[in-house]
Amino acid sequence: MRAIAEQRPTAPPPVDGMAAQASPVRLRRRPSMVIWSVALVVLGGVLGLAIWSLSSTSTEVVAVRAAVDRGELITAEDLVVARVVVDPSLRVVPAVDLQRLVGQRAVRDLAPGTLLSPDQVGPDVIPGPGQTIIGVAVGLGRLPAEPLRPGDRVRLVETSPDQGEPVAKPASVEAVVHGVSPAGPDGVTVVVDVVVPNALAARVADRAAVGRLAIVLDARVR
């Protein structure tokens, strides 16, 4: 048998006296991958800065967890502490005052998920026993120039009928301002909610309906 000679690959011919070497594989760079990597790094830094800024400017305040109807007692289960960024113009209750609110009553209906305001709770509910709230619509000429505020003690003075003789001794009813609404569409009529005794409610409502009441502000010194 004829021996088959093993063929081996021949080396490439020498170039300039040196054996030729295989060229190294060149890796192709992808510019889009580099751009995405840089963008992700920048985005991570921005998110981290935002989270840090949020945590450093937020504060713990009292929020409503469960609905509370007006006049009901507030329990600890009705409230919760929330960490939020609060606008300085808003009135909120700091978290440290949460326990102080337990046992007080809701002055207004409290909706779940809302921040609690100091004027939404109080030891008493208005109107209390024997009291009535009446809305009195009066023109600016029947109000003091000093803006009325809730809690002001005022007198509802009965005025004379139109084109009638002035009353020698006008009757008046002591009342407490509960709230003041903005001027109506005419720009001169303001509705003032006042708290009066039940026994005088009908009389005040009758005079208010015909526009025969003026509101006088008494001393604010208690």
N, C-alpha and C. Protein backbone atom coordinates (compact mmCIF):
# COMPACT_ATOMS: atom_id res chain seq x y z
N MET A 1 0.84 -1.19 0.00
CA MET A 1 0.00 0.00 0.00
C MET A 1 0.88 1.23 0.00
N ARG A 2 0.36 2.17 -0.66
CA ARG A 2 1.12 3.42 -0.73
C ARG A 2 0.80 4.29 0.46
N ALA A 3 1.82 4.67 1.09
CA ALA A 3 1.63 5.53 2.28
C ALA A 3 1.20 6.91 1.83
N ILE A 4 0.15 7.32 2.47
CA ILE A 4 -0.38 8.66 2.14
C ILE A 4 0.33 9.66 3.03
N ALA A 5 1.01 10.51 2.43
CA ALA A 5 1.77 11.50 3.20
C ALA A 5 0.81 12.52 3.79
N GLU A 6 0.98 12.79 5.07
CA GLU A 6 0.14 13.78 5.77
C GLU A 6 0.50 15.17 5.27
N GLN A 7 -0.55 15.84 4.80
CA GLN A 7 -0.33 17.18 4.30
C GLN A 7 -0.57 18.19 5.41
N ARG A 8 0.36 19.00 5.62
CA ARG A 8 0.27 20.04 6.61
C ARG A 8 0.16 21.40 5.91
N PRO A 9 -0.62 22.27 6.49
CA PRO A 9 -0.74 23.59 5.84
C PRO A 9 0.60 24.30 5.84
N THR A 10 0.85 24.81 4.71
CA THR A 10 2.13 25.50 4.56
C THR A 10 2.02 26.89 5.12
N ALA A 11 3.04 27.34 5.74
CA ALA A 11 3.07 28.69 6.31
C ALA A 11 3.09 29.70 5.19
N PRO A 12 2.50 30.81 5.37
CA PRO A 12 2.54 31.84 4.31
C PRO A 12 3.97 32.30 4.09
N PRO A 13 4.20 32.71 2.91
CA PRO A 13 5.56 33.15 2.60
C PRO A 13 5.95 34.33 3.46
N PRO A 14 7.23 34.39 3.83
CA PRO A 14 7.69 35.49 4.68
C PRO A 14 7.56 36.82 3.96
N VAL A 15 7.22 37.82 4.74
CA VAL A 15 7.13 39.16 4.18
C VAL A 15 8.21 39.99 4.84
N ASP A 16 9.08 40.54 3.99
CA ASP A 16 10.20 41.34 4.48
C ASP A 16 11.00 40.58 5.52
N GLY A 17 11.15 39.32 5.32
CA GLY A 17 11.98 38.54 6.20
C GLY A 17 11.29 38.10 7.46
N MET A 18 10.01 38.43 7.63
CA MET A 18 9.28 38.04 8.83
C MET A 18 8.07 37.26 8.43
N ALA A 19 7.74 36.30 9.29
CA ALA A 19 6.56 35.48 8.99
C ALA A 19 5.32 36.34 9.14
N ALA A 20 4.37 36.14 8.23
CA ALA A 20 3.12 36.91 8.29
C ALA A 20 2.29 36.49 9.47
N GLN A 21 1.70 37.40 10.15
CA GLN A 21 0.85 37.12 11.31
C GLN A 21 -0.60 37.51 10.99
N ALA A 22 -1.50 36.77 11.61
CA ALA A 22 -2.92 37.04 11.38
C ALA A 22 -3.29 38.40 11.98
N SER A 23 -4.07 39.17 11.26
CA SER A 23 -4.48 40.49 11.75
C SER A 23 -5.45 40.34 12.91
N PRO A 24 -5.31 41.15 14.01
CA PRO A 24 -6.24 41.06 15.15
C PRO A 24 -7.63 41.54 14.75
N VAL A 25 -8.65 40.96 15.44
CA VAL A 25 -10.03 41.33 15.15
C VAL A 25 -10.33 42.68 15.80
N ARG A 26 -10.85 43.58 15.02
CA ARG A 26 -11.15 44.92 15.52
C ARG A 26 -12.60 44.96 15.99
N LEU A 27 -12.79 45.40 17.24
CA LEU A 27 -14.14 45.52 17.80
C LEU A 27 -14.76 46.84 17.35
N ARG A 28 -16.02 46.73 16.90
CA ARG A 28 -16.73 47.92 16.44
C ARG A 28 -17.46 48.57 17.62
N ARG A 29 -17.22 49.83 17.80
CA ARG A 29 -17.91 50.57 18.85
C ARG A 29 -19.27 51.05 18.34
N ARG A 30 -20.25 50.95 19.27
CA ARG A 30 -21.59 51.41 18.93
C ARG A 30 -21.85 52.75 19.64
N PRO A 31 -21.91 53.85 18.93
CA PRO A 31 -22.13 55.16 19.57
C PRO A 31 -23.46 55.23 20.33
N SER A 32 -24.49 54.54 19.81
CA SER A 32 -25.79 54.59 20.48
C SER A 32 -25.72 54.00 21.88
N MET A 33 -24.95 52.92 22.08
CA MET A 33 -24.82 52.31 23.40
C MET A 33 -24.11 53.26 24.36
N VAL A 34 -23.12 53.96 23.87
CA VAL A 34 -22.40 54.91 24.72
C VAL A 34 -23.33 56.04 25.15
N ILE A 35 -24.13 56.52 24.21
CA ILE A 35 -25.06 57.62 24.53
C ILE A 35 -26.08 57.17 25.55
N TRP A 36 -26.64 55.95 25.37
CA TRP A 36 -27.62 55.44 26.33
C TRP A 36 -27.02 55.26 27.71
N SER A 37 -25.78 54.80 27.76
CA SER A 37 -25.13 54.61 29.06
C SER A 37 -24.96 55.94 29.79
N VAL A 38 -24.54 56.96 29.06
CA VAL A 38 -24.37 58.28 29.67
C VAL A 38 -25.71 58.84 30.12
N ALA A 39 -26.76 58.62 29.30
CA ALA A 39 -28.09 59.13 29.66
C ALA A 39 -28.61 58.47 30.91
N LEU A 40 -28.40 57.17 31.05
CA LEU A 40 -28.85 56.45 32.24
C LEU A 40 -28.13 56.95 33.49
N VAL A 41 -26.84 57.21 33.37
CA VAL A 41 -26.09 57.73 34.51
C VAL A 41 -26.62 59.10 34.93
N VAL A 42 -26.87 59.97 33.94
CA VAL A 42 -27.39 61.31 34.25
C VAL A 42 -28.78 61.21 34.85
N LEU A 43 -29.65 60.33 34.30
CA LEU A 43 -31.00 60.18 34.83
C LEU A 43 -30.98 59.68 36.26
N GLY A 44 -30.10 58.74 36.55
CA GLY A 44 -29.98 58.24 37.92
C GLY A 44 -29.57 59.33 38.88
N GLY A 45 -28.64 60.18 38.44
CA GLY A 45 -28.23 61.29 39.30
C GLY A 45 -29.35 62.28 39.55
N VAL A 46 -30.15 62.57 38.50
CA VAL A 46 -31.27 63.50 38.66
C VAL A 46 -32.31 62.93 39.60
N LEU A 47 -32.65 61.65 39.44
CA LEU A 47 -33.64 61.02 40.32
C LEU A 47 -33.14 61.00 41.76
N GLY A 48 -31.89 60.70 41.95
CA GLY A 48 -31.35 60.70 43.31
C GLY A 48 -31.40 62.07 43.95
N LEU A 49 -31.09 63.11 43.15
CA LEU A 49 -31.16 64.47 43.67
C LEU A 49 -32.59 64.86 44.02
N ALA A 50 -33.56 64.44 43.16
CA ALA A 50 -34.96 64.76 43.42
C ALA A 50 -35.46 64.09 44.69
N ILE A 51 -35.09 62.82 44.88
CA ILE A 51 -35.50 62.10 46.08
C ILE A 51 -34.89 62.74 47.33
N TRP A 52 -33.65 63.10 47.24
CA TRP A 52 -33.00 63.75 48.39
C TRP A 52 -33.66 65.09 48.71
N SER A 53 -33.95 65.86 47.65
CA SER A 53 -34.58 67.17 47.87
C SER A 53 -35.96 67.00 48.47
N LEU A 54 -36.72 65.99 48.00
CA LEU A 54 -38.06 65.76 48.53
C LEU A 54 -38.02 65.37 50.00
N SER A 55 -37.09 64.52 50.35
CA SER A 55 -37.01 64.06 51.73
C SER A 55 -36.52 65.17 52.67
N SER A 56 -35.73 66.09 52.13
CA SER A 56 -35.19 67.15 52.99
C SER A 56 -36.17 68.30 53.19
N THR A 57 -37.15 68.47 52.26
CA THR A 57 -38.10 69.58 52.37
C THR A 57 -39.48 69.13 52.85
N SER A 58 -39.75 67.85 52.92
CA SER A 58 -41.05 67.37 53.36
C SER A 58 -41.14 67.42 54.88
N THR A 59 -42.37 67.39 55.37
CA THR A 59 -42.61 67.44 56.80
C THR A 59 -43.75 66.50 57.15
N GLU A 60 -43.81 66.09 58.40
CA GLU A 60 -44.85 65.17 58.85
C GLU A 60 -46.03 65.98 59.40
N VAL A 61 -47.21 65.71 58.83
CA VAL A 61 -48.42 66.41 59.24
C VAL A 61 -49.52 65.38 59.47
N VAL A 62 -50.64 65.84 60.03
CA VAL A 62 -51.77 64.98 60.31
C VAL A 62 -52.71 64.99 59.11
N ALA A 63 -53.12 63.79 58.69
CA ALA A 63 -54.07 63.64 57.59
C ALA A 63 -55.25 62.81 58.07
N VAL A 64 -56.33 62.85 57.31
CA VAL A 64 -57.55 62.11 57.65
C VAL A 64 -57.48 60.73 57.02
N ARG A 65 -57.62 59.68 57.84
CA ARG A 65 -57.60 58.32 57.33
C ARG A 65 -59.00 57.78 57.08
N ALA A 66 -59.94 58.11 57.95
CA ALA A 66 -61.32 57.63 57.81
C ALA A 66 -62.27 58.82 57.86
N ALA A 67 -63.37 58.72 57.14
CA ALA A 67 -64.34 59.82 57.08
C ALA A 67 -64.93 60.09 58.46
N VAL A 68 -65.04 61.37 58.78
CA VAL A 68 -65.64 61.79 60.06
C VAL A 68 -66.70 62.84 59.73
N ASP A 69 -67.92 62.58 60.15
CA ASP A 69 -69.01 63.53 59.91
C ASP A 69 -68.92 64.69 60.90
N ARG A 70 -69.48 65.78 60.49
CA ARG A 70 -69.49 66.97 61.33
C ARG A 70 -70.18 66.69 62.66
N GLY A 71 -69.51 67.07 63.73
CA GLY A 71 -70.07 66.87 65.06
C GLY A 71 -69.62 65.60 65.75
N GLU A 72 -69.02 64.66 65.00
CA GLU A 72 -68.58 63.40 65.60
C GLU A 72 -67.27 63.57 66.35
N LEU A 73 -67.09 62.68 67.35
CA LEU A 73 -65.82 62.65 68.07
C LEU A 73 -64.73 62.06 67.18
N ILE A 74 -63.54 62.60 67.29
CA ILE A 74 -62.41 62.12 66.50
C ILE A 74 -61.63 61.12 67.33
N THR A 75 -61.33 59.96 66.74
CA THR A 75 -60.54 58.92 67.40
C THR A 75 -59.17 58.83 66.74
N ALA A 76 -58.28 58.10 67.39
CA ALA A 76 -56.93 57.93 66.84
C ALA A 76 -56.96 57.18 65.52
N GLU A 77 -57.95 56.28 65.34
CA GLU A 77 -58.06 55.51 64.10
C GLU A 77 -58.50 56.38 62.93
N ASP A 78 -59.05 57.54 63.20
CA ASP A 78 -59.51 58.42 62.13
C ASP A 78 -58.39 59.23 61.50
N LEU A 79 -57.23 59.27 62.17
CA LEU A 79 -56.13 60.12 61.72
C LEU A 79 -54.91 59.30 61.37
N VAL A 80 -54.01 59.88 60.61
CA VAL A 80 -52.77 59.23 60.22
C VAL A 80 -51.71 60.31 59.99
N VAL A 81 -50.46 59.92 60.14
CA VAL A 81 -49.35 60.84 59.89
C VAL A 81 -48.89 60.67 58.45
N ALA A 82 -48.76 61.79 57.74
CA ALA A 82 -48.31 61.76 56.35
C ALA A 82 -47.11 62.68 56.20
N ARG A 83 -46.15 62.25 55.38
CA ARG A 83 -44.98 63.07 55.08
C ARG A 83 -45.17 63.67 53.70
N VAL A 84 -45.32 64.96 53.64
CA VAL A 84 -45.59 65.66 52.39
C VAL A 84 -44.81 66.97 52.35
N VAL A 85 -44.74 67.53 51.15
CA VAL A 85 -44.19 68.87 50.97
C VAL A 85 -45.37 69.83 51.02
N VAL A 86 -45.41 70.70 52.02
CA VAL A 86 -46.56 71.56 52.28
C VAL A 86 -46.28 72.97 51.79
N ASP A 87 -47.25 73.52 51.08
CA ASP A 87 -47.16 74.91 50.66
C ASP A 87 -47.24 75.80 51.92
N PRO A 88 -46.34 76.77 52.06
CA PRO A 88 -46.36 77.61 53.27
C PRO A 88 -47.68 78.34 53.48
N SER A 89 -48.47 78.51 52.41
CA SER A 89 -49.73 79.24 52.56
C SER A 89 -50.83 78.37 53.17
N LEU A 90 -50.61 77.06 53.26
CA LEU A 90 -51.62 76.16 53.81
C LEU A 90 -51.45 76.03 55.33
N ARG A 91 -52.56 75.91 56.04
CA ARG A 91 -52.54 75.69 57.48
C ARG A 91 -52.74 74.21 57.73
N VAL A 92 -51.75 73.59 58.35
CA VAL A 92 -51.79 72.17 58.63
C VAL A 92 -51.51 71.93 60.10
N VAL A 93 -51.72 70.68 60.52
CA VAL A 93 -51.48 70.30 61.91
C VAL A 93 -50.22 69.44 61.97
N PRO A 94 -49.19 69.84 62.71
CA PRO A 94 -47.98 69.01 62.81
C PRO A 94 -48.29 67.65 63.40
N ALA A 95 -47.49 66.66 63.02
CA ALA A 95 -47.72 65.29 63.48
C ALA A 95 -47.64 65.17 65.00
N VAL A 96 -46.85 66.01 65.63
CA VAL A 96 -46.70 65.92 67.09
C VAL A 96 -47.99 66.28 67.82
N ASP A 97 -48.95 66.92 67.14
CA ASP A 97 -50.21 67.32 67.77
C ASP A 97 -51.32 66.31 67.54
N LEU A 98 -51.00 65.15 66.97
CA LEU A 98 -52.06 64.19 66.64
C LEU A 98 -52.84 63.77 67.88
N GLN A 99 -52.16 63.40 68.95
CA GLN A 99 -52.86 62.92 70.14
C GLN A 99 -53.73 64.00 70.76
N ARG A 100 -53.37 65.25 70.57
CA ARG A 100 -54.17 66.34 71.14
C ARG A 100 -55.52 66.45 70.46
N LEU A 101 -55.61 65.96 69.23
CA LEU A 101 -56.86 66.04 68.48
C LEU A 101 -57.85 64.94 68.85
N VAL A 102 -57.34 63.88 69.42
CA VAL A 102 -58.21 62.75 69.79
C VAL A 102 -59.16 63.19 70.90
N GLY A 103 -60.45 62.95 70.69
CA GLY A 103 -61.45 63.36 71.67
C GLY A 103 -62.13 64.66 71.33
N GLN A 104 -61.58 65.40 70.36
CA GLN A 104 -62.26 66.63 69.92
C GLN A 104 -63.29 66.28 68.85
N ARG A 105 -64.05 67.26 68.44
CA ARG A 105 -65.11 67.03 67.47
C ARG A 105 -64.77 67.68 66.13
N ALA A 106 -65.31 67.09 65.09
CA ALA A 106 -65.12 67.64 63.75
C ALA A 106 -66.06 68.82 63.55
N VAL A 107 -65.49 69.97 63.28
CA VAL A 107 -66.30 71.16 63.03
C VAL A 107 -66.91 71.09 61.63
N ARG A 108 -66.22 70.43 60.71
CA ARG A 108 -66.72 70.21 59.36
C ARG A 108 -66.56 68.74 59.01
N ASP A 109 -67.21 68.31 57.93
CA ASP A 109 -67.04 66.94 57.46
C ASP A 109 -65.59 66.74 57.02
N LEU A 110 -64.98 65.65 57.48
CA LEU A 110 -63.59 65.34 57.15
C LEU A 110 -63.56 64.21 56.14
N ALA A 111 -62.91 64.45 55.01
CA ALA A 111 -62.84 63.46 53.94
C ALA A 111 -61.53 62.69 54.02
N PRO A 112 -61.56 61.38 53.80
CA PRO A 112 -60.31 60.59 53.84
C PRO A 112 -59.31 61.07 52.80
N GLY A 113 -58.03 61.03 53.18
CA GLY A 113 -56.96 61.40 52.27
C GLY A 113 -56.65 62.87 52.21
N THR A 114 -57.32 63.68 53.02
CA THR A 114 -57.07 65.12 53.03
C THR A 114 -56.21 65.51 54.23
N LEU A 115 -55.46 66.58 54.07
CA LEU A 115 -54.68 67.10 55.19
C LEU A 115 -55.60 67.83 56.16
N LEU A 116 -55.34 67.65 57.44
CA LEU A 116 -56.19 68.26 58.46
C LEU A 116 -55.77 69.69 58.71
N SER A 117 -56.76 70.57 58.80
CA SER A 117 -56.52 71.98 59.10
C SER A 117 -56.94 72.26 60.53
N PRO A 118 -56.27 73.17 61.22
CA PRO A 118 -56.61 73.45 62.63
C PRO A 118 -58.05 73.89 62.83
N ASP A 119 -58.65 74.58 61.84
CA ASP A 119 -60.01 75.07 62.02
C ASP A 119 -61.07 74.03 61.69
N GLN A 120 -60.65 72.79 61.38
CA GLN A 120 -61.60 71.72 61.11
C GLN A 120 -61.97 70.92 62.35
N VAL A 121 -61.31 71.18 63.46
CA VAL A 121 -61.59 70.46 64.70
C VAL A 121 -61.73 71.47 65.83
N GLY A 122 -62.44 71.06 66.87
CA GLY A 122 -62.62 71.94 68.02
C GLY A 122 -63.31 71.20 69.15
N PRO A 123 -63.28 71.76 70.33
CA PRO A 123 -63.90 71.10 71.47
C PRO A 123 -65.43 71.11 71.39
N ASP A 124 -65.99 72.08 70.66
CA ASP A 124 -67.44 72.21 70.56
C ASP A 124 -67.84 72.26 69.09
N VAL A 125 -69.09 71.92 68.86
CA VAL A 125 -69.65 71.99 67.52
C VAL A 125 -70.55 73.22 67.43
N ILE A 126 -70.42 73.93 66.34
CA ILE A 126 -71.24 75.13 66.12
C ILE A 126 -72.23 74.84 64.99
N PRO A 127 -73.53 75.10 65.21
CA PRO A 127 -74.14 75.66 66.42
C PRO A 127 -74.31 74.61 67.51
N GLY A 128 -74.16 75.05 68.74
CA GLY A 128 -74.35 74.16 69.87
C GLY A 128 -75.81 74.11 70.29
N PRO A 129 -76.09 73.44 71.37
CA PRO A 129 -77.47 73.37 71.88
C PRO A 129 -78.03 74.76 72.14
N GLY A 130 -79.24 74.99 71.68
CA GLY A 130 -79.89 76.28 71.88
C GLY A 130 -79.43 77.37 70.95
N GLN A 131 -78.64 77.02 69.90
CA GLN A 131 -78.14 78.03 68.97
C GLN A 131 -78.59 77.73 67.55
N THR A 132 -78.58 78.76 66.72
CA THR A 132 -78.96 78.65 65.31
C THR A 132 -78.02 79.50 64.47
N ILE A 133 -77.68 79.00 63.29
CA ILE A 133 -76.88 79.78 62.34
C ILE A 133 -77.81 80.34 61.28
N ILE A 134 -77.72 81.63 61.05
CA ILE A 134 -78.54 82.31 60.05
C ILE A 134 -77.63 83.08 59.11
N GLY A 135 -77.89 82.98 57.84
CA GLY A 135 -77.16 83.77 56.86
C GLY A 135 -77.84 85.12 56.65
N VAL A 136 -77.12 86.18 56.90
CA VAL A 136 -77.66 87.54 56.78
C VAL A 136 -76.99 88.22 55.59
N ALA A 137 -77.78 88.53 54.57
CA ALA A 137 -77.26 89.24 53.40
C ALA A 137 -77.39 90.74 53.63
N VAL A 138 -76.29 91.42 53.64
CA VAL A 138 -76.29 92.86 53.90
C VAL A 138 -75.40 93.55 52.87
N GLY A 139 -75.76 94.79 52.57
CA GLY A 139 -74.94 95.60 51.68
C GLY A 139 -73.74 96.15 52.40
N LEU A 140 -72.74 96.60 51.63
CA LEU A 140 -71.52 97.11 52.25
C LEU A 140 -71.79 98.31 53.14
N GLY A 141 -72.85 99.06 52.86
CA GLY A 141 -73.18 100.20 53.69
C GLY A 141 -73.76 99.84 55.03
N ARG A 142 -74.10 98.56 55.22
CA ARG A 142 -74.64 98.09 56.50
C ARG A 142 -73.63 97.23 57.25
N LEU A 143 -72.39 97.30 56.81
CA LEU A 143 -71.30 96.55 57.44
C LEU A 143 -70.21 97.52 57.89
N PRO A 144 -69.44 97.19 58.91
CA PRO A 144 -68.27 98.02 59.24
C PRO A 144 -67.20 97.88 58.17
N ALA A 145 -66.41 98.92 58.01
CA ALA A 145 -65.31 98.85 57.04
C ALA A 145 -64.27 97.83 57.46
N GLU A 146 -64.13 97.60 58.77
CA GLU A 146 -63.22 96.58 59.28
C GLU A 146 -63.76 95.20 58.89
N PRO A 147 -62.95 94.39 58.18
CA PRO A 147 -63.43 93.07 57.77
C PRO A 147 -63.81 92.21 58.98
N LEU A 148 -64.94 91.54 58.86
CA LEU A 148 -65.39 90.65 59.93
C LEU A 148 -64.65 89.33 59.85
N ARG A 149 -64.42 88.73 61.02
CA ARG A 149 -63.73 87.45 61.10
C ARG A 149 -64.56 86.48 61.95
N PRO A 150 -64.44 85.19 61.69
CA PRO A 150 -65.15 84.22 62.52
C PRO A 150 -64.78 84.40 63.99
N GLY A 151 -65.79 84.39 64.85
CA GLY A 151 -65.57 84.59 66.27
C GLY A 151 -65.85 86.00 66.74
N ASP A 152 -65.99 86.94 65.81
CA ASP A 152 -66.29 88.32 66.21
C ASP A 152 -67.68 88.39 66.84
N ARG A 153 -67.78 89.16 67.91
CA ARG A 153 -69.06 89.41 68.55
C ARG A 153 -69.67 90.67 67.93
N VAL A 154 -70.87 90.52 67.39
CA VAL A 154 -71.51 91.62 66.69
C VAL A 154 -72.93 91.80 67.22
N ARG A 155 -73.56 92.91 66.80
CA ARG A 155 -74.97 93.13 67.08
C ARG A 155 -75.71 93.30 65.76
N LEU A 156 -76.83 92.60 65.64
CA LEU A 156 -77.69 92.75 64.47
C LEU A 156 -78.74 93.80 64.82
N VAL A 157 -78.59 94.96 64.23
CA VAL A 157 -79.46 96.09 64.55
C VAL A 157 -80.59 96.16 63.53
N GLU A 158 -81.83 96.20 64.05
CA GLU A 158 -83.00 96.29 63.19
C GLU A 158 -83.14 97.72 62.68
N THR A 159 -83.15 97.89 61.37
CA THR A 159 -83.22 99.22 60.77
C THR A 159 -84.67 99.59 60.45
N SER A 160 -84.87 100.86 60.14
CA SER A 160 -86.21 101.37 59.84
C SER A 160 -86.64 100.89 58.45
N PRO A 161 -87.94 100.77 58.23
CA PRO A 161 -88.44 100.42 56.89
C PRO A 161 -88.08 101.50 55.89
N ASP A 162 -88.01 101.10 54.62
CA ASP A 162 -87.74 102.08 53.58
C ASP A 162 -88.84 103.14 53.56
N GLN A 163 -88.44 104.37 53.49
CA GLN A 163 -89.33 105.52 53.45
C GLN A 163 -90.23 105.60 54.70
N GLY A 164 -89.74 105.03 55.78
CA GLY A 164 -90.49 105.09 57.03
C GLY A 164 -89.79 105.99 58.03
N GLU A 165 -90.47 106.26 59.10
CA GLU A 165 -89.90 107.09 60.15
C GLU A 165 -88.80 106.31 60.88
N PRO A 166 -87.70 106.95 61.21
CA PRO A 166 -86.64 106.26 61.96
C PRO A 166 -87.15 105.77 63.31
N VAL A 167 -86.71 104.62 63.70
CA VAL A 167 -87.09 104.05 64.98
C VAL A 167 -86.32 104.75 66.07
N ALA A 168 -87.03 105.17 67.10
CA ALA A 168 -86.37 105.92 68.19
C ALA A 168 -85.33 105.07 68.90
N LYS A 169 -85.65 103.83 69.16
CA LYS A 169 -84.72 102.94 69.85
C LYS A 169 -84.71 101.60 69.11
N PRO A 170 -83.85 101.47 68.10
CA PRO A 170 -83.82 100.23 67.31
C PRO A 170 -83.51 99.02 68.18
N ALA A 171 -84.19 97.94 67.88
CA ALA A 171 -83.91 96.68 68.57
C ALA A 171 -82.64 96.06 68.00
N SER A 172 -81.94 95.30 68.83
CA SER A 172 -80.72 94.64 68.37
C SER A 172 -80.61 93.27 69.01
N VAL A 173 -79.88 92.39 68.34
CA VAL A 173 -79.67 91.02 68.80
C VAL A 173 -78.17 90.76 68.81
N GLU A 174 -77.66 90.27 69.91
CA GLU A 174 -76.24 89.91 69.97
C GLU A 174 -76.02 88.59 69.23
N ALA A 175 -74.91 88.53 68.49
CA ALA A 175 -74.61 87.35 67.69
C ALA A 175 -73.09 87.18 67.60
N VAL A 176 -72.69 86.02 67.09
CA VAL A 176 -71.26 85.71 66.88
C VAL A 176 -71.09 85.34 65.41
N VAL A 177 -70.10 85.92 64.75
CA VAL A 177 -69.84 85.63 63.34
C VAL A 177 -69.28 84.22 63.20
N HIS A 178 -69.92 83.44 62.33
CA HIS A 178 -69.43 82.09 62.05
C HIS A 178 -68.63 82.04 60.76
N GLY A 179 -68.99 82.85 59.80
CA GLY A 179 -68.27 82.87 58.53
C GLY A 179 -68.75 84.03 57.68
N VAL A 180 -67.90 84.43 56.73
CA VAL A 180 -68.22 85.53 55.82
C VAL A 180 -67.93 85.08 54.40
N SER A 181 -68.92 85.19 53.53
CA SER A 181 -68.73 84.82 52.13
C SER A 181 -68.31 86.04 51.33
N PRO A 182 -67.67 85.82 50.16
CA PRO A 182 -67.30 86.97 49.32
C PRO A 182 -68.54 87.71 48.83
N ALA A 183 -68.33 88.92 48.35
CA ALA A 183 -69.43 89.71 47.82
C ALA A 183 -70.08 88.99 46.65
N GLY A 184 -71.38 89.17 46.50
CA GLY A 184 -72.12 88.52 45.44
C GLY A 184 -71.85 89.12 44.07
N PRO A 185 -72.65 88.70 43.05
CA PRO A 185 -72.44 89.22 41.69
C PRO A 185 -72.55 90.73 41.59
N ASP A 186 -73.36 91.34 42.46
CA ASP A 186 -73.48 92.80 42.39
C ASP A 186 -72.29 93.51 42.99
N GLY A 187 -71.44 92.78 43.69
CA GLY A 187 -70.22 93.37 44.26
C GLY A 187 -70.43 94.17 45.52
N VAL A 188 -71.66 94.26 46.00
CA VAL A 188 -71.92 95.08 47.19
C VAL A 188 -72.65 94.32 48.28
N THR A 189 -73.10 93.11 48.00
CA THR A 189 -73.85 92.34 48.98
C THR A 189 -72.97 91.22 49.53
N VAL A 190 -72.90 91.11 50.84
CA VAL A 190 -72.10 90.09 51.52
C VAL A 190 -73.02 89.28 52.42
N VAL A 191 -72.82 87.97 52.42
CA VAL A 191 -73.59 87.09 53.30
C VAL A 191 -72.73 86.74 54.51
N VAL A 192 -73.24 87.07 55.69
CA VAL A 192 -72.53 86.81 56.93
C VAL A 192 -73.33 85.76 57.71
N ASP A 193 -72.69 84.62 57.99
CA ASP A 193 -73.32 83.60 58.84
C ASP A 193 -73.11 83.98 60.29
N VAL A 194 -74.21 84.09 61.03
CA VAL A 194 -74.13 84.48 62.43
C VAL A 194 -74.81 83.43 63.29
N VAL A 195 -74.32 83.28 64.51
CA VAL A 195 -74.90 82.36 65.48
C VAL A 195 -75.74 83.18 66.45
N VAL A 196 -77.02 82.81 66.56
CA VAL A 196 -77.94 83.53 67.45
C VAL A 196 -78.68 82.51 68.30
N PRO A 197 -79.27 82.94 69.41
CA PRO A 197 -80.08 82.02 70.22
C PRO A 197 -81.30 81.55 69.45
N ASN A 198 -81.73 80.32 69.73
CA ASN A 198 -82.89 79.75 69.04
C ASN A 198 -84.12 80.64 69.19
N ALA A 199 -84.29 81.24 70.35
CA ALA A 199 -85.50 82.01 70.61
C ALA A 199 -85.59 83.24 69.72
N LEU A 200 -84.46 83.72 69.22
CA LEU A 200 -84.46 84.93 68.39
C LEU A 200 -84.25 84.62 66.91
N ALA A 201 -84.14 83.35 66.57
CA ALA A 201 -83.82 82.98 65.19
C ALA A 201 -84.90 83.43 64.21
N ALA A 202 -86.18 83.22 64.56
CA ALA A 202 -87.25 83.58 63.64
C ALA A 202 -87.28 85.08 63.39
N ARG A 203 -87.11 85.85 64.42
CA ARG A 203 -87.13 87.31 64.27
C ARG A 203 -85.98 87.79 63.40
N VAL A 204 -84.78 87.26 63.64
CA VAL A 204 -83.62 87.66 62.84
C VAL A 204 -83.81 87.25 61.38
N ALA A 205 -84.31 86.04 61.15
CA ALA A 205 -84.51 85.58 59.78
C ALA A 205 -85.53 86.44 59.05
N ASP A 206 -86.59 86.85 59.76
CA ASP A 206 -87.62 87.68 59.14
C ASP A 206 -87.05 89.04 58.74
N ARG A 207 -86.30 89.68 59.62
CA ARG A 207 -85.72 90.99 59.30
C ARG A 207 -84.64 90.86 58.22
N ALA A 208 -83.90 89.77 58.23
CA ALA A 208 -82.86 89.58 57.22
C ALA A 208 -83.47 89.38 55.83
N ALA A 209 -84.65 88.74 55.77
CA ALA A 209 -85.29 88.46 54.48
C ALA A 209 -85.72 89.74 53.77
N VAL A 210 -86.05 90.77 54.53
CA VAL A 210 -86.50 92.03 53.92
C VAL A 210 -85.41 93.09 53.96
N GLY A 211 -84.20 92.71 54.31
CA GLY A 211 -83.08 93.64 54.29
C GLY A 211 -83.13 94.71 55.33
N ARG A 212 -83.64 94.37 56.50
CA ARG A 212 -83.76 95.39 57.56
C ARG A 212 -82.82 95.10 58.73
N LEU A 213 -81.60 94.69 58.40
CA LEU A 213 -80.60 94.45 59.44
C LEU A 213 -79.29 95.11 59.05
N ALA A 214 -78.63 95.66 60.04
CA ALA A 214 -77.27 96.15 59.89
C ALA A 214 -76.40 95.45 60.93
N ILE A 215 -75.15 95.24 60.60
CA ILE A 215 -74.25 94.51 61.51
C ILE A 215 -73.26 95.49 62.11
N VAL A 216 -73.21 95.49 63.45
CA VAL A 216 -72.31 96.39 64.17
C VAL A 216 -71.27 95.53 64.89
N LEU A 217 -70.01 95.87 64.71
CA LEU A 217 -68.91 95.12 65.33
C LEU A 217 -68.62 95.68 66.70
N ASP A 218 -68.69 94.83 67.73
CA ASP A 218 -68.35 95.24 69.08
C ASP A 218 -66.87 94.99 69.34
N ALA A 219 -66.42 95.34 70.54
CA ALA A 219 -65.00 95.23 70.86
C ALA A 219 -64.52 93.80 70.71
N ARG A 220 -63.31 93.65 70.14
CA ARG A 220 -62.72 92.32 69.98
C ARG A 220 -61.97 91.89 71.23
N VAL A 221 -61.82 92.76 72.19
CA VAL A 221 -61.13 92.40 73.43
C VAL A 221 -62.02 91.48 74.22
N ARG A 222 -61.48 90.31 74.59
CA ARG A 222 -62.27 89.33 75.35
C ARG A 222 -62.02 89.53 76.84
